[in-house]
Amino acid sequence: MTKRSIQRRLLKARISLNHTIQKILDINRNRKKLEYSRQAEVREQHLNEELRVLNKMAEYQDRLIKHYERTLTLKKVRHTTVERTTSHHQQPTLP
């Protein structure tokens, strides 16, 4: 993968993680309103299931972000290492 495609995927993963976190926060806000609801137990079970799925999604997106960041860092290190080794092996030029 090229650096640009990894950066694009990293950006998309970060955006997805932010959306997932917002959904989790919305669900937690809705849980506070359940105390006044008539079918609180059924609704609570539904929200718990939704939270479980969203938490798994957030964990996966977090791992994906870390993977892309690590990949970009490695590519950067390799690129600078290659530049250093090639500059040392060049023949000195005479004036």
PDB file of N, CA and C in Angstrom:
ATOM      1  N   MET A   1       0.836  -1.180   0.000  1.00  0.00           N
ATOM      2  CA  MET A   1       0.000   0.000   0.000  1.00  0.00           C
ATOM      3  C   MET A   1       0.880   1.241   0.000  1.00  0.00           C
ATOM      4  N   THR A   2       0.400   2.238  -0.668  1.00  0.00           N
ATOM      5  CA  THR A   2       1.146   3.487  -0.690  1.00  0.00           C
ATOM      6  C   THR A   2       0.852   4.298   0.566  1.00  0.00           C
ATOM      7  N   LYS A   3       1.726   5.246   0.807  1.00  0.00           N
ATOM      8  CA  LYS A   3       1.574   6.091   1.991  1.00  0.00           C
ATOM      9  C   LYS A   3       0.247   6.837   1.948  1.00  0.00           C
ATOM     10  N   ARG A   4      -0.114   7.315   0.786  1.00  0.00           N
ATOM     11  CA  ARG A   4      -1.359   8.083   0.647  1.00  0.00           C
ATOM     12  C   ARG A   4      -2.588   7.220   0.945  1.00  0.00           C
ATOM     13  N   SER A   5      -2.603   5.983   0.462  1.00  0.00           N
ATOM     14  CA  SER A   5      -3.769   5.120   0.713  1.00  0.00           C
ATOM     15  C   SER A   5      -3.864   4.745   2.197  1.00  0.00           C
ATOM     16  N   ILE A   6      -2.720   4.561   2.841  1.00  0.00           N
ATOM     17  CA  ILE A   6      -2.738   4.267   4.283  1.00  0.00           C
ATOM     18  C   ILE A   6      -3.254   5.475   5.050  1.00  0.00           C
ATOM     19  N   GLN A   7      -2.816   6.668   4.657  1.00  0.00           N
ATOM     20  CA  GLN A   7      -3.286   7.880   5.323  1.00  0.00           C
ATOM     21  C   GLN A   7      -4.799   8.040   5.144  1.00  0.00           C
ATOM     22  N   ARG A   8      -5.285   7.736   3.952  1.00  0.00           N
ATOM     23  CA  ARG A   8      -6.718   7.842   3.682  1.00  0.00           C
ATOM     24  C   ARG A   8      -7.498   6.847   4.539  1.00  0.00           C
ATOM     25  N   ARG A   9      -6.998   5.622   4.628  1.00  0.00           N
ATOM     26  CA  ARG A   9      -7.662   4.611   5.453  1.00  0.00           C
ATOM     27  C   ARG A   9      -7.620   4.989   6.934  1.00  0.00           C
ATOM     28  N   LEU A  10      -6.508   5.551   7.358  1.00  0.00           N
ATOM     29  CA  LEU A  10      -6.379   5.999   8.744  1.00  0.00           C
ATOM     30  C   LEU A  10      -7.413   7.078   9.049  1.00  0.00           C
ATOM     31  N   LEU A  11      -7.559   8.025   8.152  1.00  0.00           N
ATOM     32  CA  LEU A  11      -8.536   9.096   8.344  1.00  0.00           C
ATOM     33  C   LEU A  11      -9.956   8.537   8.417  1.00  0.00           C
ATOM     34  N   LYS A  12     -10.292   7.622   7.519  1.00  0.00           N
ATOM     35  CA  LYS A  12     -11.629   7.013   7.533  1.00  0.00           C
ATOM     36  C   LYS A  12     -11.867   6.227   8.818  1.00  0.00           C
ATOM     37  N   ALA A  13     -10.856   5.528   9.287  1.00  0.00           N
ATOM     38  CA  ALA A  13     -10.995   4.765  10.530  1.00  0.00           C
ATOM     39  C   ALA A  13     -11.196   5.691  11.720  1.00  0.00           C
ATOM     40  N   ARG A  14     -10.494   6.805  11.745  1.00  0.00           N
ATOM     41  CA  ARG A  14     -10.670   7.771  12.837  1.00  0.00           C
ATOM     42  C   ARG A  14     -12.073   8.369  12.826  1.00  0.00           C
ATOM     43  N   ILE A  15     -12.571   8.682  11.638  1.00  0.00           N
ATOM     44  CA  ILE A  15     -13.926   9.228  11.516  1.00  0.00           C
ATOM     45  C   ILE A  15     -14.946   8.198  11.991  1.00  0.00           C
ATOM     46  N   SER A  16     -14.769   6.949  11.582  1.00  0.00           N
ATOM     47  CA  SER A  16     -15.687   5.879  12.008  1.00  0.00           C
ATOM     48  C   SER A  16     -15.664   5.703  13.516  1.00  0.00           C
ATOM     49  N   LEU A  17     -14.479   5.752  14.096  1.00  0.00           N
ATOM     50  CA  LEU A  17     -14.369   5.612  15.550  1.00  0.00           C
ATOM     51  C   LEU A  17     -15.085   6.765  16.261  1.00  0.00           C
ATOM     52  N   ASN A  18     -14.937   7.970  15.751  1.00  0.00           N
ATOM     53  CA  ASN A  18     -15.631   9.112  16.351  1.00  0.00           C
ATOM     54  C   ASN A  18     -17.147   8.948  16.283  1.00  0.00           C
ATOM     55  N   HIS A  19     -17.663   8.447  15.146  1.00  0.00           N
ATOM     56  CA  HIS A  19     -19.102   8.206  15.021  1.00  0.00           C
ATOM     57  C   HIS A  19     -19.560   7.136  16.003  1.00  0.00           C
ATOM     58  N   THR A  20     -18.781   6.090  16.139  1.00  0.00           N
ATOM     59  CA  THR A  20     -19.133   5.006  17.057  1.00  0.00           C
ATOM     60  C   THR A  20     -19.158   5.509  18.495  1.00  0.00           C
ATOM     61  N   ILE A  21     -18.178   6.308  18.856  1.00  0.00           N
ATOM     62  CA  ILE A  21     -18.139   6.856  20.216  1.00  0.00           C
ATOM     63  C   ILE A  21     -19.350   7.754  20.465  1.00  0.00           C
ATOM     64  N   GLN A  22     -19.731   8.541  19.468  1.00  0.00           N
ATOM     65  CA  GLN A  22     -20.912   9.389  19.616  1.00  0.00           C
ATOM     66  C   GLN A  22     -22.176   8.562  19.842  1.00  0.00           C
ATOM     67  N   LYS A  23     -22.287   7.441  19.118  1.00  0.00           N
ATOM     68  CA  LYS A  23     -23.445   6.560  19.307  1.00  0.00           C
ATOM     69  C   LYS A  23     -23.462   5.975  20.714  1.00  0.00           C
ATOM     70  N   ILE A  24     -22.289   5.594  21.201  1.00  0.00           N
ATOM     71  CA  ILE A  24     -22.195   5.049  22.569  1.00  0.00           C
ATOM     72  C   ILE A  24     -22.626   6.108  23.581  1.00  0.00           C
ATOM     73  N   LEU A  25     -22.177   7.335  23.392  1.00  0.00           N
ATOM     74  CA  LEU A  25     -22.556   8.415  24.305  1.00  0.00           C
ATOM     75  C   LEU A  25     -24.062   8.694  24.245  1.00  0.00           C
ATOM     76  N   ASP A  26     -24.636   8.632  23.045  1.00  0.00           N
ATOM     77  CA  ASP A  26     -26.084   8.832  22.903  1.00  0.00           C
ATOM     78  C   ASP A  26     -26.864   7.753  23.642  1.00  0.00           C
ATOM     79  N   ILE A  27     -26.411   6.519  23.525  1.00  0.00           N
ATOM     80  CA  ILE A  27     -27.087   5.420  24.216  1.00  0.00           C
ATOM     81  C   ILE A  27     -27.011   5.612  25.719  1.00  0.00           C
ATOM     82  N   ASN A  28     -25.858   6.027  26.207  1.00  0.00           N
ATOM     83  CA  ASN A  28     -25.717   6.254  27.648  1.00  0.00           C
ATOM     84  C   ASN A  28     -26.628   7.386  28.125  1.00  0.00           C
ATOM     85  N   ARG A  29     -26.822   8.402  27.286  1.00  0.00           N
ATOM     86  CA  ARG A  29     -27.762   9.469  27.641  1.00  0.00           C
ATOM     87  C   ARG A  29     -29.187   8.930  27.692  1.00  0.00           C
ATOM     88  N   ASN A  30     -29.519   8.063  26.745  1.00  0.00           N
ATOM     89  CA  ASN A  30     -30.861   7.480  26.703  1.00  0.00           C
ATOM     90  C   ASN A  30     -31.117   6.558  27.890  1.00  0.00           C
ATOM     91  N   ARG A  31     -30.089   5.921  28.386  1.00  0.00           N
ATOM     92  CA  ARG A  31     -30.255   5.027  29.538  1.00  0.00           C
ATOM     93  C   ARG A  31     -30.725   5.796  30.772  1.00  0.00           C
ATOM     94  N   LYS A  32     -30.312   7.037  30.884  1.00  0.00           N
ATOM     95  CA  LYS A  32     -30.722   7.851  32.033  1.00  0.00           C
ATOM     96  C   LYS A  32     -32.224   8.138  31.994  1.00  0.00           C
ATOM     97  N   LYS A  33     -32.796   8.190  30.796  1.00  0.00           N
ATOM     98  CA  LYS A  33     -34.228   8.459  30.650  1.00  0.00           C
ATOM     99  C   LYS A  33     -35.078   7.218  30.901  1.00  0.00           C
ATOM    100  N   LEU A  34     -34.451   6.046  30.949  1.00  0.00           N
ATOM    101  CA  LEU A  34     -35.201   4.798  31.089  1.00  0.00           C
ATOM    102  C   LEU A  34     -35.945   4.690  32.415  1.00  0.00           C
ATOM    103  N   GLU A  35     -35.444   5.326  33.420  1.00  0.00           N
ATOM    104  CA  GLU A  35     -36.079   5.240  34.732  1.00  0.00           C
ATOM    105  C   GLU A  35     -37.532   5.688  34.671  1.00  0.00           C
ATOM    106  N   TYR A  36     -37.861   6.569  33.741  1.00  0.00           N
ATOM    107  CA  TYR A  36     -39.204   7.117  33.643  1.00  0.00           C
ATOM    108  C   TYR A  36     -40.041   6.412  32.575  1.00  0.00           C
ATOM    109  N   SER A  37     -39.477   5.418  31.923  1.00  0.00           N
ATOM    110  CA  SER A  37     -40.172   4.702  30.865  1.00  0.00           C
ATOM    111  C   SER A  37     -41.001   3.557  31.434  1.00  0.00           C
ATOM    112  N   ARG A  38     -42.039   3.167  30.695  1.00  0.00           N
ATOM    113  CA  ARG A  38     -42.909   2.073  31.148  1.00  0.00           C
ATOM    114  C   ARG A  38     -42.268   0.709  30.908  1.00  0.00           C
ATOM    115  N   GLN A  39     -41.634   0.528  29.786  1.00  0.00           N
ATOM    116  CA  GLN A  39     -41.012  -0.757  29.459  1.00  0.00           C
ATOM    117  C   GLN A  39     -39.501  -0.652  29.630  1.00  0.00           C
ATOM    118  N   ALA A  40     -39.093  -0.297  30.801  1.00  0.00           N
ATOM    119  CA  ALA A  40     -37.681  -0.027  31.058  1.00  0.00           C
ATOM    120  C   ALA A  40     -36.813  -1.267  30.908  1.00  0.00           C
ATOM    121  N   GLU A  41     -37.278  -2.427  31.363  1.00  0.00           N
ATOM    122  CA  GLU A  41     -36.442  -3.642  31.309  1.00  0.00           C
ATOM    123  C   GLU A  41     -36.164  -4.079  29.880  1.00  0.00           C
ATOM    124  N   VAL A  42     -37.194  -4.094  29.053  1.00  0.00           N
ATOM    125  CA  VAL A  42     -37.021  -4.508  27.647  1.00  0.00           C
ATOM    126  C   VAL A  42     -36.100  -3.524  26.936  1.00  0.00           C
ATOM    127  N   ARG A  43     -36.341  -2.271  27.166  1.00  0.00           N
ATOM    128  CA  ARG A  43     -35.526  -1.236  26.533  1.00  0.00           C
ATOM    129  C   ARG A  43     -34.073  -1.312  27.028  1.00  0.00           C
ATOM    130  N   GLU A  44     -33.893  -1.590  28.304  1.00  0.00           N
ATOM    131  CA  GLU A  44     -32.552  -1.728  28.889  1.00  0.00           C
ATOM    132  C   GLU A  44     -31.782  -2.869  28.227  1.00  0.00           C
ATOM    133  N   GLN A  45     -32.456  -4.002  28.015  1.00  0.00           N
ATOM    134  CA  GLN A  45     -31.800  -5.143  27.359  1.00  0.00           C
ATOM    135  C   GLN A  45     -31.391  -4.778  25.936  1.00  0.00           C
ATOM    136  N   HIS A  46     -32.262  -4.091  25.237  1.00  0.00           N
ATOM    137  CA  HIS A  46     -31.961  -3.686  23.861  1.00  0.00           C
ATOM    138  C   HIS A  46     -30.749  -2.750  23.832  1.00  0.00           C
ATOM    139  N   LEU A  47     -30.715  -1.779  24.730  1.00  0.00           N
ATOM    140  CA  LEU A  47     -29.594  -0.840  24.772  1.00  0.00           C
ATOM    141  C   LEU A  47     -28.294  -1.531  25.172  1.00  0.00           C
ATOM    142  N   ASN A  48     -28.384  -2.495  26.099  1.00  0.00           N
ATOM    143  CA  ASN A  48     -27.184  -3.241  26.494  1.00  0.00           C
ATOM    144  C   ASN A  48     -26.600  -4.014  25.318  1.00  0.00           C
ATOM    145  N   GLU A  49     -27.475  -4.627  24.529  1.00  0.00           N
ATOM    146  CA  GLU A  49     -27.009  -5.372  23.350  1.00  0.00           C
ATOM    147  C   GLU A  49     -26.365  -4.412  22.343  1.00  0.00           C
ATOM    148  N   GLU A  50     -27.003  -3.286  22.137  1.00  0.00           N
ATOM    149  CA  GLU A  50     -26.457  -2.297  21.211  1.00  0.00           C
ATOM    150  C   GLU A  50     -25.094  -1.785  21.689  1.00  0.00           C
ATOM    151  N   LEU A  51     -24.984  -1.546  22.977  1.00  0.00           N
ATOM    152  CA  LEU A  51     -23.709  -1.094  23.549  1.00  0.00           C
ATOM    153  C   LEU A  51     -22.618  -2.143  23.385  1.00  0.00           C
ATOM    154  N   ARG A  52     -22.968  -3.395  23.577  1.00  0.00           N
ATOM    155  CA  ARG A  52     -21.997  -4.471  23.437  1.00  0.00           C
ATOM    156  C   ARG A  52     -21.423  -4.487  22.019  1.00  0.00           C
ATOM    157  N   VAL A  53     -22.306  -4.378  21.031  1.00  0.00           N
ATOM    158  CA  VAL A  53     -21.870  -4.386  19.629  1.00  0.00           C
ATOM    159  C   VAL A  53     -21.032  -3.148  19.313  1.00  0.00           C
ATOM    160  N   LEU A  54     -21.485  -1.998  19.773  1.00  0.00           N
ATOM    161  CA  LEU A  54     -20.748  -0.758  19.501  1.00  0.00           C
ATOM    162  C   LEU A  54     -19.371  -0.758  20.169  1.00  0.00           C
ATOM    163  N   ASN A  55     -19.272  -1.324  21.362  1.00  0.00           N
ATOM    164  CA  ASN A  55     -17.971  -1.405  22.035  1.00  0.00           C
ATOM    165  C   ASN A  55     -17.011  -2.304  21.266  1.00  0.00           C
ATOM    166  N   LYS A  56     -17.521  -3.412  20.725  1.00  0.00           N
ATOM    167  CA  LYS A  56     -16.666  -4.289  19.914  1.00  0.00           C
ATOM    168  C   LYS A  56     -16.210  -3.564  18.652  1.00  0.00           C
ATOM    169  N   MET A  57     -17.122  -2.816  18.036  1.00  0.00           N
ATOM    170  CA  MET A  57     -16.755  -2.054  16.841  1.00  0.00           C
ATOM    171  C   MET A  57     -15.684  -1.022  17.170  1.00  0.00           C
ATOM    172  N   ALA A  58     -15.842  -0.337  18.297  1.00  0.00           N
ATOM    173  CA  ALA A  58     -14.871   0.685  18.697  1.00  0.00           C
ATOM    174  C   ALA A  58     -13.504   0.054  18.964  1.00  0.00           C
ATOM    175  N   GLU A  59     -13.486  -1.109  19.594  1.00  0.00           N
ATOM    176  CA  GLU A  59     -12.209  -1.801  19.834  1.00  0.00           C
ATOM    177  C   GLU A  59     -11.525  -2.151  18.519  1.00  0.00           C
ATOM    178  N   TYR A  60     -12.303  -2.663  17.570  1.00  0.00           N
ATOM    179  CA  TYR A  60     -11.745  -3.036  16.274  1.00  0.00           C
ATOM    180  C   TYR A  60     -11.199  -1.799  15.548  1.00  0.00           C
ATOM    181  N   GLN A  61     -11.968  -0.717  15.562  1.00  0.00           N
ATOM    182  CA  GLN A  61     -11.532   0.504  14.889  1.00  0.00           C
ATOM    183  C   GLN A  61     -10.272   1.061  15.548  1.00  0.00           C
ATOM    184  N   ASP A  62     -10.185   0.948  16.863  1.00  0.00           N
ATOM    185  CA  ASP A  62      -8.992   1.403  17.576  1.00  0.00           C
ATOM    186  C   ASP A  62      -7.767   0.586  17.164  1.00  0.00           C
ATOM    187  N   ARG A  63      -7.930  -0.736  17.084  1.00  0.00           N
ATOM    188  CA  ARG A  63      -6.813  -1.587  16.641  1.00  0.00           C
ATOM    189  C   ARG A  63      -6.398  -1.245  15.214  1.00  0.00           C
ATOM    190  N   LEU A  64      -7.372  -0.967  14.365  1.00  0.00           N
ATOM    191  CA  LEU A  64      -7.096  -0.619  12.976  1.00  0.00           C
ATOM    192  C   LEU A  64      -6.312   0.699  12.895  1.00  0.00           C
ATOM    193  N   ILE A  65      -6.711   1.672  13.680  1.00  0.00           N
ATOM    194  CA  ILE A  65      -6.012   2.965  13.706  1.00  0.00           C
ATOM    195  C   ILE A  65      -4.573   2.776  14.158  1.00  0.00           C
ATOM    196  N   LYS A  66      -4.377   1.996  15.211  1.00  0.00           N
ATOM    197  CA  LYS A  66      -3.016   1.747  15.698  1.00  0.00           C
ATOM    198  C   LYS A  66      -2.177   1.045  14.644  1.00  0.00           C
ATOM    199  N   HIS A  67      -2.785   0.102  13.920  1.00  0.00           N
ATOM    200  CA  HIS A  67      -2.073  -0.616  12.856  1.00  0.00           C
ATOM    201  C   HIS A  67      -1.629   0.359  11.758  1.00  0.00           C
ATOM    202  N   TYR A  68      -2.546   1.222  11.309  1.00  0.00           N
ATOM    203  CA  TYR A  68      -2.202   2.183  10.255  1.00  0.00           C
ATOM    204  C   TYR A  68      -1.133   3.168  10.728  1.00  0.00           C
ATOM    205  N   GLU A  69      -1.241   3.627  11.969  1.00  0.00           N
ATOM    206  CA  GLU A  69      -0.228   4.544  12.496  1.00  0.00           C
ATOM    207  C   GLU A  69       1.136   3.875  12.567  1.00  0.00           C
ATOM    208  N   ARG A  70       1.156   2.619  13.004  1.00  0.00           N
ATOM    209  CA  ARG A  70       2.410   1.877  13.084  1.00  0.00           C
ATOM    210  C   ARG A  70       2.993   1.677  11.688  1.00  0.00           C
ATOM    211  N   THR A  71       2.142   1.356  10.721  1.00  0.00           N
ATOM    212  CA  THR A  71       2.598   1.151   9.353  1.00  0.00           C
ATOM    213  C   THR A  71       3.201   2.438   8.785  1.00  0.00           C
ATOM    214  N   LEU A  72       2.535   3.555   9.022  1.00  0.00           N
ATOM    215  CA  LEU A  72       3.068   4.832   8.535  1.00  0.00           C
ATOM    216  C   LEU A  72       4.406   5.161   9.187  1.00  0.00           C
ATOM    217  N   THR A  73       4.515   4.886  10.483  1.00  0.00           N
ATOM    218  CA  THR A  73       5.767   5.153  11.201  1.00  0.00           C
ATOM    219  C   THR A  73       6.887   4.292  10.636  1.00  0.00           C
ATOM    220  N   LEU A  74       6.599   3.011  10.385  1.00  0.00           N
ATOM    221  CA  LEU A  74       7.620   2.124   9.828  1.00  0.00           C
ATOM    222  C   LEU A  74       8.041   2.572   8.444  1.00  0.00           C
ATOM    223  N   LYS A  75       7.094   2.984   7.627  1.00  0.00           N
ATOM    224  CA  LYS A  75       7.434   3.456   6.283  1.00  0.00           C
ATOM    225  C   LYS A  75       8.316   4.701   6.366  1.00  0.00           C
ATOM    226  N   LYS A  76       8.019   5.582   7.318  1.00  0.00           N
ATOM    227  CA  LYS A  76       8.811   6.796   7.491  1.00  0.00           C
ATOM    228  C   LYS A  76      10.232   6.450   7.921  1.00  0.00           C
ATOM    229  N   VAL A  77      10.361   5.513   8.874  1.00  0.00           N
ATOM    230  CA  VAL A  77      11.679   5.097   9.358  1.00  0.00           C
ATOM    231  C   VAL A  77      12.465   4.438   8.232  1.00  0.00           C
ATOM    232  N   ARG A  78      11.828   3.563   7.472  1.00  0.00           N
ATOM    233  CA  ARG A  78      12.517   2.895   6.361  1.00  0.00           C
ATOM    234  C   ARG A  78      12.973   3.910   5.327  1.00  0.00           C
ATOM    235  N   HIS A  79      12.119   4.881   5.043  1.00  0.00           N
ATOM    236  CA  HIS A  79      12.449   5.886   4.032  1.00  0.00           C
ATOM    237  C   HIS A  79      13.660   6.708   4.465  1.00  0.00           C
ATOM    238  N   THR A  80      13.713   7.135   5.713  1.00  0.00           N
ATOM    239  CA  THR A  80      14.851   7.927   6.183  1.00  0.00           C
ATOM    240  C   THR A  80      16.109   7.076   6.265  1.00  0.00           C
ATOM    241  N   THR A  81      15.964   5.802   6.623  1.00  0.00           N
ATOM    242  CA  THR A  81      17.118   4.911   6.681  1.00  0.00           C
ATOM    243  C   THR A  81      17.703   4.716   5.293  1.00  0.00           C
ATOM    244  N   VAL A  82      16.854   4.537   4.304  1.00  0.00           N
ATOM    245  CA  VAL A  82      17.323   4.363   2.928  1.00  0.00           C
ATOM    246  C   VAL A  82      18.028   5.615   2.463  1.00  0.00           C
ATOM    247  N   GLU A  83      17.514   6.780   2.781  1.00  0.00           N
ATOM    248  CA  GLU A  83      18.159   8.031   2.385  1.00  0.00           C
ATOM    249  C   GLU A  83      19.537   8.158   3.018  1.00  0.00           C
ATOM    250  N   ARG A  84      19.659   7.802   4.280  1.00  0.00           N
ATOM    251  CA  ARG A  84      20.948   7.915   4.971  1.00  0.00           C
ATOM    252  C   ARG A  84      21.976   6.957   4.378  1.00  0.00           C
ATOM    253  N   THR A  85      21.564   5.711   4.141  1.00  0.00           N
ATOM    254  CA  THR A  85      22.523   4.732   3.622  1.00  0.00           C
ATOM    255  C   THR A  85      22.948   5.075   2.206  1.00  0.00           C
ATOM    256  N   THR A  86      22.057   5.605   1.403  1.00  0.00           N
ATOM    257  CA  THR A  86      22.469   5.955   0.038  1.00  0.00           C
ATOM    258  C   THR A  86      23.351   7.187   0.024  1.00  0.00           C
ATOM    259  N   SER A  87      23.155   8.109   0.940  1.00  0.00           N
ATOM    260  CA  SER A  87      24.000   9.323   0.940  1.00  0.00           C
ATOM    261  C   SER A  87      25.414   8.993   1.414  1.00  0.00           C
ATOM    262  N   HIS A  88      25.601   7.976   2.253  1.00  0.00           N
ATOM    263  CA  HIS A  88      26.931   7.591   2.717  1.00  0.00           C
ATOM    264  C   HIS A  88      27.731   6.880   1.644  1.00  0.00           C
ATOM    265  N   HIS A  89      27.067   6.206   0.738  1.00  0.00           N
ATOM    266  CA  HIS A  89      27.759   5.423  -0.275  1.00  0.00           C
ATOM    267  C   HIS A  89      28.068   6.210  -1.538  1.00  0.00           C
ATOM    268  N   GLN A  90      27.696   7.424  -1.608  1.00  0.00           N
ATOM    269  CA  GLN A  90      27.949   8.200  -2.816  1.00  0.00           C
ATOM    270  C   GLN A  90      29.431   8.613  -2.863  1.00  0.00           C
ATOM    271  N   GLN A  91      29.930   8.646  -4.029  1.00  0.00           N
ATOM    272  CA  GLN A  91      31.312   9.045  -4.245  1.00  0.00           C
ATOM    273  C   GLN A  91      31.438  10.566  -4.081  1.00  0.00           C
ATOM    274  N   PRO A  92      32.489  10.996  -3.430  1.00  0.00           N
ATOM    275  CA  PRO A  92      32.675  12.446  -3.321  1.00  0.00           C
ATOM    276  C   PRO A  92      32.972  13.037  -4.696  1.00  0.00           C
ATOM    277  N   THR A  93      32.437  14.172  -4.928  1.00  0.00           N
ATOM    278  CA  THR A  93      32.659  14.813  -6.227  1.00  0.00           C
ATOM    279  C   THR A  93      33.820  15.779  -6.132  1.00  0.00           C
ATOM    280  N   LEU A  94      34.597  15.832  -7.166  1.00  0.00           N
ATOM    281  CA  LEU A  94      35.738  16.741  -7.213  1.00  0.00           C
ATOM    282  C   LEU A  94      35.309  18.044  -7.856  1.00  0.00           C
ATOM    283  N   PRO A  95      35.866  19.151  -7.384  1.00  0.00           N
ATOM    284  CA  PRO A  95      35.479  20.454  -7.971  1.00  0.00           C
ATOM    285  C   PRO A  95      35.989  20.646  -9.378  1.00  0.00           C
TER     286      PRO A  95
END
